[in-house]
């Protein structure tokens, strides 16, 4: 439920919504949601001083209903 919600939110922010991928992984410390976007959209998802990424993390934490969830924005432009 969390991965599709995060994907929907991120697609509304970026210029290349077809390139948005959210991958859910399990770890010992809870669920990890990795967000991958087009390299041109990376700045939009992170935002100034990380404000947009922090807002996305806050929303997903609220939706998680007490479960441990971490949201990572992955830089694919290596």
PDB file of N, CA and C in Angstrom:
ATOM      1  N   UNK A   1       0.818  -1.190   0.000  1.00  0.00           N
ATOM      2  CA  UNK A   1       0.000   0.000   0.000  1.00  0.00           C
ATOM      3  C   UNK A   1       0.868   1.264   0.000  1.00  0.00           C
ATOM      4  N   UNK A   2       1.995   1.214   0.679  1.00  0.00           N
ATOM      5  CA  UNK A   2       2.836   2.396   0.808  1.00  0.00           C
ATOM      6  C   UNK A   2       3.584   2.716  -0.483  1.00  0.00           C
ATOM      7  N   UNK A   3       4.093   1.700  -1.159  1.00  0.00           N
ATOM      8  CA  UNK A   3       4.853   1.922  -2.392  1.00  0.00           C
ATOM      9  C   UNK A   3       3.990   2.573  -3.479  1.00  0.00           C
ATOM     10  N   UNK A   4       2.765   2.090  -3.732  1.00  0.00           N
ATOM     11  CA  UNK A   4       1.930   2.762  -4.740  1.00  0.00           C
ATOM     12  C   UNK A   4       1.567   4.198  -4.338  1.00  0.00           C
ATOM     13  N   UNK A   5       1.353   4.437  -3.061  1.00  0.00           N
ATOM     14  CA  UNK A   5       1.031   5.793  -2.601  1.00  0.00           C
ATOM     15  C   UNK A   5       2.214   6.725  -2.833  1.00  0.00           C
ATOM     16  N   UNK A   6       3.416   6.268  -2.497  1.00  0.00           N
ATOM     17  CA  UNK A   6       4.613   7.077  -2.702  1.00  0.00           C
ATOM     18  C   UNK A   6       4.849   7.322  -4.190  1.00  0.00           C
ATOM     19  N   UNK A   7       4.642   6.290  -4.999  1.00  0.00           N
ATOM     20  CA  UNK A   7       4.823   6.434  -6.445  1.00  0.00           C
ATOM     21  C   UNK A   7       3.862   7.481  -7.006  1.00  0.00           C
ATOM     22  N   UNK A   8       2.628   7.466  -6.551  1.00  0.00           N
ATOM     23  CA  UNK A   8       1.630   8.442  -6.999  1.00  0.00           C
ATOM     24  C   UNK A   8       2.045   9.860  -6.615  1.00  0.00           C
ATOM     25  N   UNK A   9       2.520  10.041  -5.406  1.00  0.00           N
ATOM     26  CA  UNK A   9       2.959  11.361  -4.949  1.00  0.00           C
ATOM     27  C   UNK A   9       4.145  11.874  -5.768  1.00  0.00           C
ATOM     28  N   UNK A  10       5.115  11.011  -5.996  1.00  0.00           N
ATOM     29  CA  UNK A  10       6.321  11.422  -6.724  1.00  0.00           C
ATOM     30  C   UNK A  10       5.988  11.720  -8.183  1.00  0.00           C
ATOM     31  N   UNK A  11       5.104  10.932  -8.791  1.00  0.00           N
ATOM     32  CA  UNK A  11       4.730  11.173 -10.188  1.00  0.00           C
ATOM     33  C   UNK A  11       4.083  12.541 -10.366  1.00  0.00           C
ATOM     34  N   UNK A  12       3.419  13.052  -9.331  1.00  0.00           N
ATOM     35  CA  UNK A  12       2.814  14.369  -9.399  1.00  0.00           C
ATOM     36  C   UNK A  12       3.816  15.502  -9.322  1.00  0.00           C
ATOM     37  N   UNK A  13       5.023  15.218  -8.875  1.00  0.00           N
ATOM     38  CA  UNK A  13       6.050  16.242  -8.688  1.00  0.00           C
ATOM     39  C   UNK A  13       6.952  16.378  -9.914  1.00  0.00           C
ATOM     40  N   UNK A  14       7.260  15.268 -10.555  1.00  0.00           N
ATOM     41  CA  UNK A  14       8.331  15.230 -11.559  1.00  0.00           C
ATOM     42  C   UNK A  14       7.843  15.587 -12.966  1.00  0.00           C
ATOM     43  N   UNK A  15       8.802  15.879 -13.855  1.00  0.00           N
ATOM     44  CA  UNK A  15       8.510  16.154 -15.263  1.00  0.00           C
ATOM     45  C   UNK A  15       8.462  14.888 -16.105  1.00  0.00           C
ATOM     46  N   UNK A  16       9.098  13.817 -15.634  1.00  0.00           N
ATOM     47  CA  UNK A  16       9.135  12.543 -16.358  1.00  0.00           C
ATOM     48  C   UNK A  16       8.475  11.451 -15.497  1.00  0.00           C
ATOM     49  N   UNK A  17       7.143  11.457 -15.400  1.00  0.00           N
ATOM     50  CA  UNK A  17       6.478  10.492 -14.515  1.00  0.00           C
ATOM     51  C   UNK A  17       6.629   9.035 -14.940  1.00  0.00           C
ATOM     52  N   UNK A  18       6.915   8.789 -16.215  1.00  0.00           N
ATOM     53  CA  UNK A  18       7.079   7.407 -16.675  1.00  0.00           C
ATOM     54  C   UNK A  18       8.358   6.772 -16.149  1.00  0.00           C
ATOM     55  N   UNK A  19       9.324   7.593 -15.731  1.00  0.00           N
ATOM     56  CA  UNK A  19      10.598   7.082 -15.240  1.00  0.00           C
ATOM     57  C   UNK A  19      10.621   6.851 -13.732  1.00  0.00           C
ATOM     58  N   UNK A  20       9.507   7.091 -13.059  1.00  0.00           N
ATOM     59  CA  UNK A  20       9.463   6.925 -11.597  1.00  0.00           C
ATOM     60  C   UNK A  20       9.327   5.446 -11.265  1.00  0.00           C
ATOM     61  N   UNK A  21      10.201   4.976 -10.370  1.00  0.00           N
ATOM     62  CA  UNK A  21      10.138   3.599  -9.872  1.00  0.00           C
ATOM     63  C   UNK A  21      10.257   3.633  -8.356  1.00  0.00           C
ATOM     64  N   UNK A  22       9.383   2.907  -7.688  1.00  0.00           N
ATOM     65  CA  UNK A  22       9.472   2.753  -6.242  1.00  0.00           C
ATOM     66  C   UNK A  22       9.603   1.264  -5.960  1.00  0.00           C
ATOM     67  N   UNK A  23      10.696   0.893  -5.319  1.00  0.00           N
ATOM     68  CA  UNK A  23      10.972  -0.510  -5.017  1.00  0.00           C
ATOM     69  C   UNK A  23      10.905  -0.689  -3.500  1.00  0.00           C
ATOM     70  N   UNK A  24      10.072  -1.620  -3.063  1.00  0.00           N
ATOM     71  CA  UNK A  24       9.949  -1.917  -1.635  1.00  0.00           C
ATOM     72  C   UNK A  24      10.856  -3.084  -1.284  1.00  0.00           C
ATOM     73  N   UNK A  25      11.675  -2.895  -0.258  1.00  0.00           N
ATOM     74  CA  UNK A  25      12.567  -3.946   0.225  1.00  0.00           C
ATOM     75  C   UNK A  25      12.381  -4.090   1.722  1.00  0.00           C
ATOM     76  N   UNK A  26      12.583  -5.289   2.211  1.00  0.00           N
ATOM     77  CA  UNK A  26      12.512  -5.532   3.647  1.00  0.00           C
ATOM     78  C   UNK A  26      13.913  -5.576   4.222  1.00  0.00           C
ATOM     79  N   UNK A  27      14.061  -5.005   5.389  1.00  0.00           N
ATOM     80  CA  UNK A  27      15.341  -5.072   6.090  1.00  0.00           C
ATOM     81  C   UNK A  27      15.051  -5.407   7.548  1.00  0.00           C
ATOM     82  N   UNK A  28      16.109  -5.609   8.292  1.00  0.00           N
ATOM     83  CA  UNK A  28      15.944  -5.953   9.706  1.00  0.00           C
ATOM     84  C   UNK A  28      15.305  -4.808  10.489  1.00  0.00           C
ATOM     85  N   UNK A  29      15.462  -3.586   9.980  1.00  0.00           N
ATOM     86  CA  UNK A  29      14.934  -2.422  10.690  1.00  0.00           C
ATOM     87  C   UNK A  29      13.644  -1.906  10.081  1.00  0.00           C
ATOM     88  N   UNK A  30      12.954  -2.717   9.303  1.00  0.00           N
ATOM     89  CA  UNK A  30      11.682  -2.320   8.726  1.00  0.00           C
ATOM     90  C   UNK A  30      11.729  -2.286   7.215  1.00  0.00           C
ATOM     91  N   UNK A  31      10.699  -1.716   6.635  1.00  0.00           N
ATOM     92  CA  UNK A  31      10.580  -1.653   5.180  1.00  0.00           C
ATOM     93  C   UNK A  31      11.361  -0.453   4.640  1.00  0.00           C
ATOM     94  N   UNK A  32      11.987  -0.636   3.481  1.00  0.00           N
ATOM     95  CA  UNK A  32      12.730   0.433   2.819  1.00  0.00           C
ATOM     96  C   UNK A  32      12.082   0.652   1.452  1.00  0.00           C
ATOM     97  N   UNK A  33      11.702   1.898   1.171  1.00  0.00           N
ATOM     98  CA  UNK A  33      11.148   2.254  -0.125  1.00  0.00           C
ATOM     99  C   UNK A  33      12.190   3.069  -0.878  1.00  0.00           C
ATOM    100  N   UNK A  34      12.699   2.516  -1.971  1.00  0.00           N
ATOM    101  CA  UNK A  34      13.699   3.203  -2.780  1.00  0.00           C
ATOM    102  C   UNK A  34      13.004   3.896  -3.945  1.00  0.00           C
ATOM    103  N   UNK A  35      13.218   5.195  -4.056  1.00  0.00           N
ATOM    104  CA  UNK A  35      12.625   5.991  -5.119  1.00  0.00           C
ATOM    105  C   UNK A  35      13.693   6.277  -6.163  1.00  0.00           C
ATOM    106  N   UNK A  36      13.406   5.917  -7.403  1.00  0.00           N
ATOM    107  CA  UNK A  36      14.313   6.195  -8.517  1.00  0.00           C
ATOM    108  C   UNK A  36      13.556   7.051  -9.519  1.00  0.00           C
ATOM    109  N   UNK A  37      14.190   8.158  -9.932  1.00  0.00           N
ATOM    110  CA  UNK A  37      13.569   9.073 -10.880  1.00  0.00           C
ATOM    111  C   UNK A  37      14.567   9.412 -11.989  1.00  0.00           C
ATOM    112  N   UNK A  38      14.084  10.068 -13.011  1.00  0.00           N
ATOM    113  CA  UNK A  38      14.944  10.557 -14.096  1.00  0.00           C
ATOM    114  C   UNK A  38      15.965  11.517 -13.486  1.00  0.00           C
ATOM    115  N   UNK A  39      17.220  11.498 -13.950  1.00  0.00           N
ATOM    116  CA  UNK A  39      18.250  12.369 -13.363  1.00  0.00           C
ATOM    117  C   UNK A  39      17.884  13.850 -13.342  1.00  0.00           C
ATOM    118  N   UNK A  40      17.105  14.321 -14.317  1.00  0.00           N
ATOM    119  CA  UNK A  40      16.690  15.720 -14.334  1.00  0.00           C
ATOM    120  C   UNK A  40      15.689  16.044 -13.226  1.00  0.00           C
ATOM    121  N   UNK A  41      14.987  15.036 -12.726  1.00  0.00           N
ATOM    122  CA  UNK A  41      13.961  15.243 -11.705  1.00  0.00           C
ATOM    123  C   UNK A  41      14.471  15.055 -10.279  1.00  0.00           C
ATOM    124  N   UNK A  42      15.711  14.675 -10.128  1.00  0.00           N
ATOM    125  CA  UNK A  42      16.249  14.397  -8.801  1.00  0.00           C
ATOM    126  C   UNK A  42      16.148  15.616  -7.883  1.00  0.00           C
ATOM    127  N   UNK A  43      16.465  16.783  -8.400  1.00  0.00           N
ATOM    128  CA  UNK A  43      16.384  18.000  -7.607  1.00  0.00           C
ATOM    129  C   UNK A  43      14.974  18.335  -7.177  1.00  0.00           C
ATOM    130  N   UNK A  44      13.994  18.039  -8.021  1.00  0.00           N
ATOM    131  CA  UNK A  44      12.597  18.287  -7.665  1.00  0.00           C
ATOM    132  C   UNK A  44      12.142  17.390  -6.519  1.00  0.00           C
ATOM    133  N   UNK A  45      12.572  16.139  -6.547  1.00  0.00           N
ATOM    134  CA  UNK A  45      12.146  15.196  -5.509  1.00  0.00           C
ATOM    135  C   UNK A  45      12.823  15.509  -4.178  1.00  0.00           C
ATOM    136  N   UNK A  46      14.065  15.943  -4.228  1.00  0.00           N
ATOM    137  CA  UNK A  46      14.769  16.279  -2.995  1.00  0.00           C
ATOM    138  C   UNK A  46      14.314  17.639  -2.474  1.00  0.00           C
ATOM    139  N   UNK A  47      14.209  18.620  -3.348  1.00  0.00           N
ATOM    140  CA  UNK A  47      13.757  19.945  -2.945  1.00  0.00           C
ATOM    141  C   UNK A  47      14.865  20.761  -2.311  1.00  0.00           C
ATOM    142  N   UNK A  48      14.562  22.021  -2.036  1.00  0.00           N
ATOM    143  CA  UNK A  48      15.540  22.897  -1.393  1.00  0.00           C
ATOM    144  C   UNK A  48      15.794  22.431   0.025  1.00  0.00           C
ATOM    145  N   UNK A  49      17.052  22.224   0.312  1.00  0.00           N
ATOM    146  CA  UNK A  49      17.484  21.750   1.636  1.00  0.00           C
ATOM    147  C   UNK A  49      16.788  20.458   2.045  1.00  0.00           C
ATOM    148  N   UNK A  50      16.308  19.691   1.065  1.00  0.00           N
ATOM    149  CA  UNK A  50      15.677  18.410   1.362  1.00  0.00           C
ATOM    150  C   UNK A  50      14.254  18.504   1.861  1.00  0.00           C
ATOM    151  N   UNK A  51      13.616  19.643   1.676  1.00  0.00           N
ATOM    152  CA  UNK A  51      12.258  19.837   2.211  1.00  0.00           C
ATOM    153  C   UNK A  51      11.224  18.923   1.578  1.00  0.00           C
ATOM    154  N   UNK A  52      11.289  18.751   0.256  1.00  0.00           N
ATOM    155  CA  UNK A  52      10.309  17.896  -0.418  1.00  0.00           C
ATOM    156  C   UNK A  52      10.491  16.443  -0.002  1.00  0.00           C
ATOM    157  N   UNK A  53      11.725  15.975   0.060  1.00  0.00           N
ATOM    158  CA  UNK A  53      11.990  14.596   0.493  1.00  0.00           C
ATOM    159  C   UNK A  53      11.516  14.397   1.925  1.00  0.00           C
ATOM    160  N   UNK A  54      11.734  15.381   2.772  1.00  0.00           N
ATOM    161  CA  UNK A  54      11.295  15.281   4.169  1.00  0.00           C
ATOM    162  C   UNK A  54       9.771  15.223   4.247  1.00  0.00           C
ATOM    163  N   UNK A  55       9.095  16.014   3.416  1.00  0.00           N
ATOM    164  CA  UNK A  55       7.628  15.988   3.401  1.00  0.00           C
ATOM    165  C   UNK A  55       7.108  14.635   2.931  1.00  0.00           C
ATOM    166  N   UNK A  56       7.752  14.062   1.909  1.00  0.00           N
ATOM    167  CA  UNK A  56       7.350  12.733   1.441  1.00  0.00           C
ATOM    168  C   UNK A  56       7.545  11.693   2.544  1.00  0.00           C
ATOM    169  N   UNK A  57       8.671  11.778   3.250  1.00  0.00           N
ATOM    170  CA  UNK A  57       8.939  10.843   4.349  1.00  0.00           C
ATOM    171  C   UNK A  57       7.892  10.986   5.456  1.00  0.00           C
ATOM    172  N   UNK A  58       7.507  12.219   5.755  1.00  0.00           N
ATOM    173  CA  UNK A  58       6.503  12.462   6.794  1.00  0.00           C
ATOM    174  C   UNK A  58       5.163  11.860   6.410  1.00  0.00           C
ATOM    175  N   UNK A  59       4.751  12.045   5.150  1.00  0.00           N
ATOM    176  CA  UNK A  59       3.482  11.479   4.690  1.00  0.00           C
ATOM    177  C   UNK A  59       3.489   9.956   4.740  1.00  0.00           C
ATOM    178  N   UNK A  60       4.566   9.352   4.277  1.00  0.00           N
ATOM    179  CA  UNK A  60       4.646   7.887   4.255  1.00  0.00           C
ATOM    180  C   UNK A  60       4.681   7.337   5.684  1.00  0.00           C
ATOM    181  N   UNK A  61       5.379   8.025   6.579  1.00  0.00           N
ATOM    182  CA  UNK A  61       5.400   7.599   7.982  1.00  0.00           C
ATOM    183  C   UNK A  61       4.000   7.649   8.578  1.00  0.00           C
ATOM    184  N   UNK A  62       3.235   8.682   8.237  1.00  0.00           N
ATOM    185  CA  UNK A  62       1.856   8.790   8.734  1.00  0.00           C
ATOM    186  C   UNK A  62       0.981   7.674   8.166  1.00  0.00           C
ATOM    187  N   UNK A  63       1.186   7.341   6.897  1.00  0.00           N
ATOM    188  CA  UNK A  63       0.405   6.267   6.284  1.00  0.00           C
ATOM    189  C   UNK A  63       0.802   4.892   6.808  1.00  0.00           C
ATOM    190  N   UNK A  64       2.024   4.759   7.302  1.00  0.00           N
ATOM    191  CA  UNK A  64       2.538   3.457   7.745  1.00  0.00           C
ATOM    192  C   UNK A  64       1.863   2.983   9.020  1.00  0.00           C
ATOM    193  N   UNK A  65       1.220   3.867   9.745  1.00  0.00           N
ATOM    194  CA  UNK A  65       0.450   3.497  10.928  1.00  0.00           C
ATOM    195  C   UNK A  65       1.286   2.756  11.967  1.00  0.00           C
ATOM    196  N   UNK A  66       2.428   3.324  12.294  1.00  0.00           N
ATOM    197  CA  UNK A  66       3.265   2.777  13.354  1.00  0.00           C
ATOM    198  C   UNK A  66       4.338   1.810  12.911  1.00  0.00           C
ATOM    199  N   UNK A  67       4.269   1.324  11.673  1.00  0.00           N
ATOM    200  CA  UNK A  67       5.307   0.420  11.176  1.00  0.00           C
ATOM    201  C   UNK A  67       6.548   1.224  10.828  1.00  0.00           C
ATOM    202  N   UNK A  68       7.703   0.587  10.895  1.00  0.00           N
ATOM    203  CA  UNK A  68       8.956   1.260  10.545  1.00  0.00           C
ATOM    204  C   UNK A  68       9.129   1.273   9.033  1.00  0.00           C
ATOM    205  N   UNK A  69       9.232   2.477   8.479  1.00  0.00           N
ATOM    206  CA  UNK A  69       9.404   2.632   7.043  1.00  0.00           C
ATOM    207  C   UNK A  69      10.466   3.704   6.808  1.00  0.00           C
ATOM    208  N   UNK A  70      11.350   3.426   5.860  1.00  0.00           N
ATOM    209  CA  UNK A  70      12.377   4.396   5.485  1.00  0.00           C
ATOM    210  C   UNK A  70      12.226   4.670   3.987  1.00  0.00           C
ATOM    211  N   UNK A  71      12.332   5.932   3.613  1.00  0.00           N
ATOM    212  CA  UNK A  71      12.233   6.325   2.205  1.00  0.00           C
ATOM    213  C   UNK A  71      13.604   6.830   1.773  1.00  0.00           C
ATOM    214  N   UNK A  72      14.174   6.200   0.750  1.00  0.00           N
ATOM    215  CA  UNK A  72      15.472   6.588   0.213  1.00  0.00           C
ATOM    216  C   UNK A  72      15.297   7.059  -1.225  1.00  0.00           C
ATOM    217  N   UNK A  73      15.840   8.229  -1.522  1.00  0.00           N
ATOM    218  CA  UNK A  73      15.873   8.718  -2.899  1.00  0.00           C
ATOM    219  C   UNK A  73      17.217   8.302  -3.476  1.00  0.00           C
ATOM    220  N   UNK A  74      17.198   7.451  -4.494  1.00  0.00           N
ATOM    221  CA  UNK A  74      18.413   6.865  -5.043  1.00  0.00           C
ATOM    222  C   UNK A  74      18.870   7.678  -6.249  1.00  0.00           C
ATOM    223  N   UNK A  75      20.150   8.053  -6.240  1.00  0.00           N
ATOM    224  CA  UNK A  75      20.741   8.762  -7.369  1.00  0.00           C
ATOM    225  C   UNK A  75      21.208   7.741  -8.396  1.00  0.00           C
ATOM    226  N   UNK A  76      20.518   7.681  -9.524  1.00  0.00           N
ATOM    227  CA  UNK A  76      20.855   6.695 -10.560  1.00  0.00           C
ATOM    228  C   UNK A  76      21.822   7.250 -11.583  1.00  0.00           C
ATOM    229  N   UNK A  77      22.222   8.495 -11.464  1.00  0.00           N
ATOM    230  CA  UNK A  77      23.110   9.145 -12.424  1.00  0.00           C
ATOM    231  C   UNK A  77      24.557   8.996 -11.976  1.00  0.00           C
ATOM    232  N   UNK A  78      25.064   7.768 -12.054  1.00  0.00           N
ATOM    233  CA  UNK A  78      26.438   7.506 -11.596  1.00  0.00           C
ATOM    234  C   UNK A  78      27.408   7.652 -12.716  1.00  0.00           C
TER     235      UNK A  78
END
